[in-house]
Amino acid sequence: MFVTYENELQGQFNAPESARLLWKSVDVSLCEYSFLIEGVGFQDGRIGPVTRHVADVHTLQRMQAAEEGNLLSIYRVQLIAPPSMNNHGRYSMDVLAEIRIVPGTEERPVYEFLTEDGQLYSSARL
């Protein structure tokens, strides 16, 4: 989930798919992962390049299955990992290759994120 403040709202307008809110900034949680999705889709009634910032695996998977998000094609998903998840002391952003559920955690999934360069991240809280 992304957090922002009412005073950060810069404007809003009606678009074909929904009301669009324009924010100056949002806070990205220090303890949660998120995804930057790049592709082609509908935005403001036009087809073109789009980028979506998504805060959970379920929404990402729905977008990949074309069940949500007005995306026609996804060509890259990047994992944004917070310092608590990557042991680098800073945020990292890596191209995602695969998402796995750790066996035995299906009821309350713990995810493993494998990146294209071979890094493995876990959603398990330390």
N, C-alpha and C. Protein backbone atom coordinates (compact mmCIF):
# COMPACT_ATOMS: atom_id res chain seq x y z
N MET A 1 0.84 -1.17 0.00
CA MET A 1 0.00 0.00 0.00
C MET A 1 0.89 1.24 0.00
N PHE A 2 0.46 2.25 -0.71
CA PHE A 2 1.19 3.51 -0.75
C PHE A 2 0.47 4.53 0.12
N VAL A 3 1.22 5.38 0.78
CA VAL A 3 0.66 6.37 1.68
C VAL A 3 1.01 7.75 1.15
N THR A 4 0.06 8.65 1.25
CA THR A 4 0.32 10.05 0.92
C THR A 4 -0.56 10.90 1.81
N TYR A 5 -0.45 12.18 1.66
CA TYR A 5 -1.21 13.11 2.49
C TYR A 5 -2.10 13.97 1.61
N GLU A 6 -3.20 14.39 2.18
CA GLU A 6 -4.18 15.18 1.44
C GLU A 6 -3.55 16.42 0.82
N ASN A 7 -2.62 17.07 1.54
CA ASN A 7 -2.00 18.28 1.00
C ASN A 7 -1.06 17.99 -0.16
N GLU A 8 -0.76 16.71 -0.43
CA GLU A 8 0.08 16.34 -1.57
C GLU A 8 -0.73 16.21 -2.86
N LEU A 9 -2.06 16.23 -2.74
CA LEU A 9 -2.91 16.12 -3.92
C LEU A 9 -2.76 17.37 -4.77
N GLN A 10 -2.36 17.19 -6.02
CA GLN A 10 -2.13 18.32 -6.92
C GLN A 10 -3.31 18.59 -7.84
N GLY A 11 -4.18 17.61 -7.98
CA GLY A 11 -5.34 17.81 -8.84
C GLY A 11 -5.98 16.48 -9.17
N GLN A 12 -7.12 16.56 -9.81
CA GLN A 12 -7.79 15.36 -10.27
C GLN A 12 -8.63 15.70 -11.48
N PHE A 13 -8.83 14.69 -12.32
CA PHE A 13 -9.68 14.87 -13.49
C PHE A 13 -10.30 13.54 -13.85
N ASN A 14 -11.41 13.61 -14.55
CA ASN A 14 -12.08 12.39 -14.98
C ASN A 14 -11.42 11.86 -16.24
N ALA A 15 -11.14 10.58 -16.24
CA ALA A 15 -10.58 9.89 -17.40
C ALA A 15 -11.58 8.80 -17.78
N PRO A 16 -11.47 8.23 -18.98
CA PRO A 16 -12.43 7.22 -19.41
C PRO A 16 -12.57 6.04 -18.46
N GLU A 17 -11.46 5.59 -17.85
CA GLU A 17 -11.54 4.41 -17.00
C GLU A 17 -11.83 4.72 -15.53
N SER A 18 -11.56 5.95 -15.07
CA SER A 18 -11.76 6.27 -13.66
C SER A 18 -11.31 7.71 -13.42
N ALA A 19 -11.58 8.22 -12.23
CA ALA A 19 -11.05 9.53 -11.86
C ALA A 19 -9.55 9.37 -11.61
N ARG A 20 -8.77 10.30 -12.12
CA ARG A 20 -7.31 10.27 -11.94
C ARG A 20 -6.93 11.31 -10.91
N LEU A 21 -6.12 10.88 -9.94
CA LEU A 21 -5.62 11.77 -8.91
C LEU A 21 -4.14 12.01 -9.15
N LEU A 22 -3.73 13.23 -9.09
CA LEU A 22 -2.33 13.59 -9.33
C LEU A 22 -1.70 13.99 -8.00
N TRP A 23 -0.72 13.20 -7.57
CA TRP A 23 -0.06 13.44 -6.30
C TRP A 23 1.35 13.93 -6.53
N LYS A 24 1.83 14.83 -5.65
CA LYS A 24 3.21 15.28 -5.71
C LYS A 24 4.16 14.16 -5.31
N SER A 25 3.74 13.38 -4.32
CA SER A 25 4.60 12.30 -3.84
C SER A 25 3.76 11.26 -3.10
N VAL A 26 4.33 10.07 -2.97
CA VAL A 26 3.76 9.02 -2.13
C VAL A 26 4.91 8.44 -1.32
N ASP A 27 4.59 7.88 -0.18
CA ASP A 27 5.60 7.22 0.65
C ASP A 27 5.62 5.74 0.29
N VAL A 28 6.78 5.19 0.09
CA VAL A 28 6.94 3.77 -0.16
C VAL A 28 7.42 3.16 1.15
N SER A 29 6.69 2.18 1.65
CA SER A 29 6.97 1.59 2.95
C SER A 29 8.40 1.09 3.04
N LEU A 30 9.01 1.28 4.19
CA LEU A 30 10.37 0.78 4.42
C LEU A 30 10.41 -0.71 4.66
N CYS A 31 9.26 -1.34 4.89
CA CYS A 31 9.29 -2.76 5.23
C CYS A 31 8.55 -3.64 4.22
N GLU A 32 8.06 -3.10 3.14
CA GLU A 32 7.32 -3.87 2.15
C GLU A 32 7.94 -3.72 0.77
N TYR A 33 7.82 -4.74 -0.02
CA TYR A 33 8.26 -4.73 -1.41
C TYR A 33 7.15 -4.13 -2.27
N SER A 34 7.51 -3.75 -3.49
CA SER A 34 6.52 -3.32 -4.47
C SER A 34 7.08 -3.62 -5.86
N PHE A 35 6.26 -3.37 -6.87
CA PHE A 35 6.65 -3.70 -8.24
C PHE A 35 6.39 -2.51 -9.16
N LEU A 36 7.28 -2.31 -10.10
CA LEU A 36 7.09 -1.33 -11.16
C LEU A 36 6.84 -2.12 -12.44
N ILE A 37 5.65 -1.96 -12.99
CA ILE A 37 5.24 -2.72 -14.18
C ILE A 37 5.32 -1.79 -15.38
N GLU A 38 6.02 -2.23 -16.42
CA GLU A 38 6.15 -1.45 -17.65
C GLU A 38 5.50 -2.23 -18.78
N GLY A 39 4.72 -1.54 -19.59
CA GLY A 39 4.06 -2.21 -20.69
C GLY A 39 3.35 -1.24 -21.61
N VAL A 40 2.38 -1.79 -22.32
CA VAL A 40 1.55 -1.02 -23.24
C VAL A 40 0.11 -1.21 -22.80
N GLY A 41 -0.64 -0.13 -22.78
CA GLY A 41 -2.03 -0.23 -22.35
C GLY A 41 -2.79 1.05 -22.58
N PHE A 42 -3.97 1.09 -22.00
CA PHE A 42 -4.83 2.26 -22.12
C PHE A 42 -4.57 3.21 -20.97
N GLN A 43 -4.39 4.47 -21.31
CA GLN A 43 -4.28 5.51 -20.30
C GLN A 43 -4.97 6.74 -20.84
N ASP A 44 -5.94 7.22 -20.11
CA ASP A 44 -6.72 8.38 -20.52
C ASP A 44 -7.34 8.19 -21.90
N GLY A 45 -7.79 6.96 -22.17
CA GLY A 45 -8.48 6.67 -23.42
C GLY A 45 -7.59 6.46 -24.62
N ARG A 46 -6.29 6.42 -24.41
CA ARG A 46 -5.34 6.23 -25.52
C ARG A 46 -4.45 5.02 -25.25
N ILE A 47 -4.02 4.39 -26.33
CA ILE A 47 -3.07 3.28 -26.22
C ILE A 47 -1.66 3.84 -26.30
N GLY A 48 -0.81 3.39 -25.39
CA GLY A 48 0.57 3.84 -25.39
C GLY A 48 1.34 3.18 -24.27
N PRO A 49 2.59 3.60 -24.08
CA PRO A 49 3.39 3.04 -22.99
C PRO A 49 2.81 3.46 -21.64
N VAL A 50 2.76 2.51 -20.72
CA VAL A 50 2.25 2.78 -19.37
C VAL A 50 3.18 2.16 -18.34
N THR A 51 3.18 2.74 -17.18
CA THR A 51 3.91 2.22 -16.04
C THR A 51 2.98 2.25 -14.84
N ARG A 52 2.95 1.15 -14.10
CA ARG A 52 2.11 1.06 -12.90
C ARG A 52 3.01 0.67 -11.72
N HIS A 53 2.76 1.27 -10.58
CA HIS A 53 3.46 0.92 -9.35
C HIS A 53 2.47 0.14 -8.50
N VAL A 54 2.77 -1.11 -8.20
CA VAL A 54 1.85 -2.02 -7.54
C VAL A 54 2.48 -2.49 -6.23
N ALA A 55 1.64 -2.60 -5.19
CA ALA A 55 2.17 -2.90 -3.86
C ALA A 55 1.93 -4.33 -3.39
N ASP A 56 1.40 -5.23 -4.25
CA ASP A 56 1.17 -6.59 -3.77
C ASP A 56 1.20 -7.59 -4.93
N VAL A 57 1.50 -8.84 -4.59
CA VAL A 57 1.63 -9.90 -5.59
C VAL A 57 0.30 -10.18 -6.27
N HIS A 58 -0.78 -10.20 -5.51
CA HIS A 58 -2.10 -10.51 -6.08
C HIS A 58 -2.47 -9.54 -7.20
N THR A 59 -2.29 -8.25 -6.98
CA THR A 59 -2.60 -7.26 -8.02
C THR A 59 -1.68 -7.44 -9.22
N LEU A 60 -0.39 -7.68 -8.98
CA LEU A 60 0.54 -7.93 -10.08
C LEU A 60 0.08 -9.11 -10.92
N GLN A 61 -0.28 -10.21 -10.27
CA GLN A 61 -0.71 -11.39 -11.01
C GLN A 61 -1.99 -11.14 -11.79
N ARG A 62 -2.91 -10.36 -11.23
CA ARG A 62 -4.14 -10.01 -11.96
C ARG A 62 -3.83 -9.16 -13.18
N MET A 63 -2.85 -8.27 -13.07
CA MET A 63 -2.46 -7.45 -14.22
C MET A 63 -1.78 -8.32 -15.28
N GLN A 64 -0.95 -9.25 -14.85
CA GLN A 64 -0.29 -10.15 -15.80
C GLN A 64 -1.29 -11.02 -16.53
N ALA A 65 -2.40 -11.35 -15.88
CA ALA A 65 -3.45 -12.18 -16.50
C ALA A 65 -4.48 -11.33 -17.23
N ALA A 66 -4.23 -10.02 -17.34
CA ALA A 66 -5.12 -9.07 -18.02
C ALA A 66 -6.50 -9.01 -17.37
N GLU A 67 -6.57 -9.24 -16.06
CA GLU A 67 -7.83 -9.16 -15.32
C GLU A 67 -7.99 -7.80 -14.65
N GLU A 68 -6.95 -7.00 -14.65
CA GLU A 68 -6.97 -5.71 -13.96
C GLU A 68 -5.93 -4.80 -14.59
N GLY A 69 -6.22 -3.51 -14.65
CA GLY A 69 -5.19 -2.54 -14.97
C GLY A 69 -5.13 -1.99 -16.37
N ASN A 70 -6.00 -2.39 -17.28
CA ASN A 70 -6.01 -1.84 -18.64
C ASN A 70 -4.69 -2.01 -19.38
N LEU A 71 -3.96 -3.07 -19.08
CA LEU A 71 -2.70 -3.34 -19.77
C LEU A 71 -2.93 -4.34 -20.90
N LEU A 72 -2.40 -4.03 -22.06
CA LEU A 72 -2.49 -4.94 -23.19
C LEU A 72 -1.30 -5.89 -23.23
N SER A 73 -0.16 -5.39 -22.80
CA SER A 73 1.07 -6.17 -22.84
C SER A 73 2.01 -5.66 -21.74
N ILE A 74 2.66 -6.59 -21.06
CA ILE A 74 3.66 -6.23 -20.06
C ILE A 74 5.01 -6.69 -20.58
N TYR A 75 5.97 -5.78 -20.61
CA TYR A 75 7.28 -6.20 -21.10
C TYR A 75 8.36 -6.22 -20.03
N ARG A 76 8.08 -5.66 -18.85
CA ARG A 76 9.07 -5.77 -17.77
C ARG A 76 8.38 -5.50 -16.44
N VAL A 77 8.77 -6.29 -15.43
CA VAL A 77 8.33 -6.07 -14.06
C VAL A 77 9.60 -5.95 -13.22
N GLN A 78 9.70 -4.88 -12.46
CA GLN A 78 10.85 -4.70 -11.59
C GLN A 78 10.41 -4.81 -10.13
N LEU A 79 11.18 -5.54 -9.37
CA LEU A 79 10.96 -5.65 -7.93
C LEU A 79 11.67 -4.49 -7.25
N ILE A 80 10.94 -3.76 -6.44
CA ILE A 80 11.53 -2.71 -5.62
C ILE A 80 11.61 -3.27 -4.20
N ALA A 81 12.82 -3.55 -3.77
CA ALA A 81 13.05 -4.19 -2.46
C ALA A 81 13.58 -3.15 -1.47
N PRO A 82 12.95 -3.07 -0.30
CA PRO A 82 13.41 -2.11 0.71
C PRO A 82 14.69 -2.59 1.39
N PRO A 83 15.36 -1.71 2.12
CA PRO A 83 16.59 -2.10 2.81
C PRO A 83 16.43 -3.32 3.71
N SER A 84 15.29 -3.46 4.36
CA SER A 84 15.08 -4.59 5.27
C SER A 84 15.01 -5.92 4.54
N MET A 85 14.82 -5.89 3.26
CA MET A 85 14.65 -7.12 2.48
C MET A 85 15.91 -7.49 1.70
N ASN A 86 16.80 -6.53 1.47
CA ASN A 86 17.91 -6.81 0.57
C ASN A 86 19.30 -6.72 1.19
N ASN A 87 19.41 -6.34 2.44
CA ASN A 87 20.70 -6.26 3.14
C ASN A 87 21.71 -5.34 2.47
N HIS A 88 21.25 -4.35 1.71
CA HIS A 88 22.14 -3.38 1.09
C HIS A 88 22.11 -2.03 1.80
N GLY A 89 21.15 -1.85 2.71
CA GLY A 89 21.02 -0.58 3.40
C GLY A 89 20.36 0.50 2.56
N ARG A 90 19.79 0.11 1.42
CA ARG A 90 19.11 1.06 0.53
C ARG A 90 18.10 0.29 -0.30
N TYR A 91 17.23 1.01 -0.95
CA TYR A 91 16.29 0.37 -1.86
C TYR A 91 17.05 -0.18 -3.06
N SER A 92 16.56 -1.29 -3.58
CA SER A 92 17.12 -1.82 -4.83
C SER A 92 15.98 -2.06 -5.80
N MET A 93 16.29 -2.03 -7.07
CA MET A 93 15.28 -2.27 -8.10
C MET A 93 15.90 -3.21 -9.12
N ASP A 94 15.31 -4.42 -9.23
CA ASP A 94 15.84 -5.45 -10.11
C ASP A 94 14.72 -6.01 -10.97
N VAL A 95 15.07 -6.40 -12.20
CA VAL A 95 14.08 -7.00 -13.10
C VAL A 95 13.70 -8.37 -12.56
N LEU A 96 12.40 -8.58 -12.40
CA LEU A 96 11.85 -9.81 -11.82
C LEU A 96 11.77 -10.91 -12.88
N ALA A 97 12.23 -12.11 -12.52
CA ALA A 97 12.15 -13.26 -13.42
C ALA A 97 11.04 -14.22 -13.00
N GLU A 98 10.86 -14.39 -11.68
CA GLU A 98 9.91 -15.40 -11.20
C GLU A 98 9.46 -15.07 -9.78
N ILE A 99 8.20 -15.44 -9.48
CA ILE A 99 7.67 -15.37 -8.12
C ILE A 99 7.29 -16.78 -7.71
N ARG A 100 7.75 -17.20 -6.52
CA ARG A 100 7.41 -18.53 -6.01
C ARG A 100 6.79 -18.40 -4.63
N ILE A 101 5.92 -19.33 -4.30
CA ILE A 101 5.39 -19.43 -2.94
C ILE A 101 6.21 -20.50 -2.21
N VAL A 102 6.72 -20.16 -1.04
CA VAL A 102 7.49 -21.11 -0.25
C VAL A 102 6.56 -22.25 0.15
N PRO A 103 6.94 -23.51 -0.14
CA PRO A 103 6.08 -24.65 0.21
C PRO A 103 5.68 -24.62 1.69
N GLY A 104 4.40 -24.93 1.93
CA GLY A 104 3.88 -24.95 3.29
C GLY A 104 3.33 -23.62 3.77
N THR A 105 3.43 -22.57 2.93
CA THR A 105 2.94 -21.25 3.35
C THR A 105 1.75 -20.80 2.50
N GLU A 106 1.11 -21.74 1.82
CA GLU A 106 0.04 -21.38 0.88
C GLU A 106 -1.10 -20.61 1.54
N GLU A 107 -1.42 -20.94 2.80
CA GLU A 107 -2.52 -20.26 3.48
C GLU A 107 -2.19 -18.79 3.76
N ARG A 108 -0.98 -18.51 4.17
CA ARG A 108 -0.47 -17.14 4.36
C ARG A 108 0.86 -17.08 3.62
N PRO A 109 0.81 -16.81 2.32
CA PRO A 109 1.99 -16.97 1.47
C PRO A 109 3.22 -16.17 1.89
N VAL A 110 4.33 -16.86 1.85
CA VAL A 110 5.65 -16.23 1.89
C VAL A 110 6.19 -16.38 0.48
N TYR A 111 6.54 -15.26 -0.13
CA TYR A 111 6.98 -15.29 -1.52
C TYR A 111 8.50 -15.23 -1.62
N GLU A 112 9.02 -15.88 -2.65
CA GLU A 112 10.41 -15.72 -3.05
C GLU A 112 10.39 -15.04 -4.41
N PHE A 113 11.23 -14.03 -4.55
CA PHE A 113 11.32 -13.28 -5.79
C PHE A 113 12.70 -13.53 -6.39
N LEU A 114 12.75 -14.13 -7.56
CA LEU A 114 13.99 -14.38 -8.26
C LEU A 114 14.14 -13.33 -9.34
N THR A 115 15.28 -12.65 -9.36
CA THR A 115 15.50 -11.61 -10.36
C THR A 115 16.28 -12.18 -11.55
N GLU A 116 16.29 -11.42 -12.63
CA GLU A 116 17.00 -11.87 -13.84
C GLU A 116 18.49 -12.07 -13.60
N ASP A 117 19.08 -11.32 -12.67
CA ASP A 117 20.51 -11.49 -12.41
C ASP A 117 20.80 -12.52 -11.32
N GLY A 118 19.77 -13.30 -10.91
CA GLY A 118 19.98 -14.40 -9.99
C GLY A 118 19.81 -14.09 -8.52
N GLN A 119 19.50 -12.85 -8.16
CA GLN A 119 19.27 -12.50 -6.76
C GLN A 119 17.96 -13.13 -6.29
N LEU A 120 17.94 -13.63 -5.07
CA LEU A 120 16.73 -14.22 -4.50
C LEU A 120 16.35 -13.42 -3.26
N TYR A 121 15.13 -12.89 -3.26
CA TYR A 121 14.60 -12.12 -2.14
C TYR A 121 13.42 -12.87 -1.56
N SER A 122 13.14 -12.66 -0.28
CA SER A 122 12.02 -13.32 0.38
C SER A 122 11.13 -12.27 1.03
N SER A 123 9.82 -12.53 1.00
CA SER A 123 8.88 -11.62 1.67
C SER A 123 8.76 -11.95 3.16
N ALA A 124 9.43 -12.99 3.63
CA ALA A 124 9.37 -13.37 5.05
C ALA A 124 9.91 -12.22 5.90
N ARG A 125 9.21 -11.93 6.95
CA ARG A 125 9.67 -10.87 7.86
C ARG A 125 10.74 -11.43 8.77
N LEU A 126 11.79 -10.67 8.93
CA LEU A 126 12.91 -11.13 9.77
C LEU A 126 12.67 -10.81 11.22
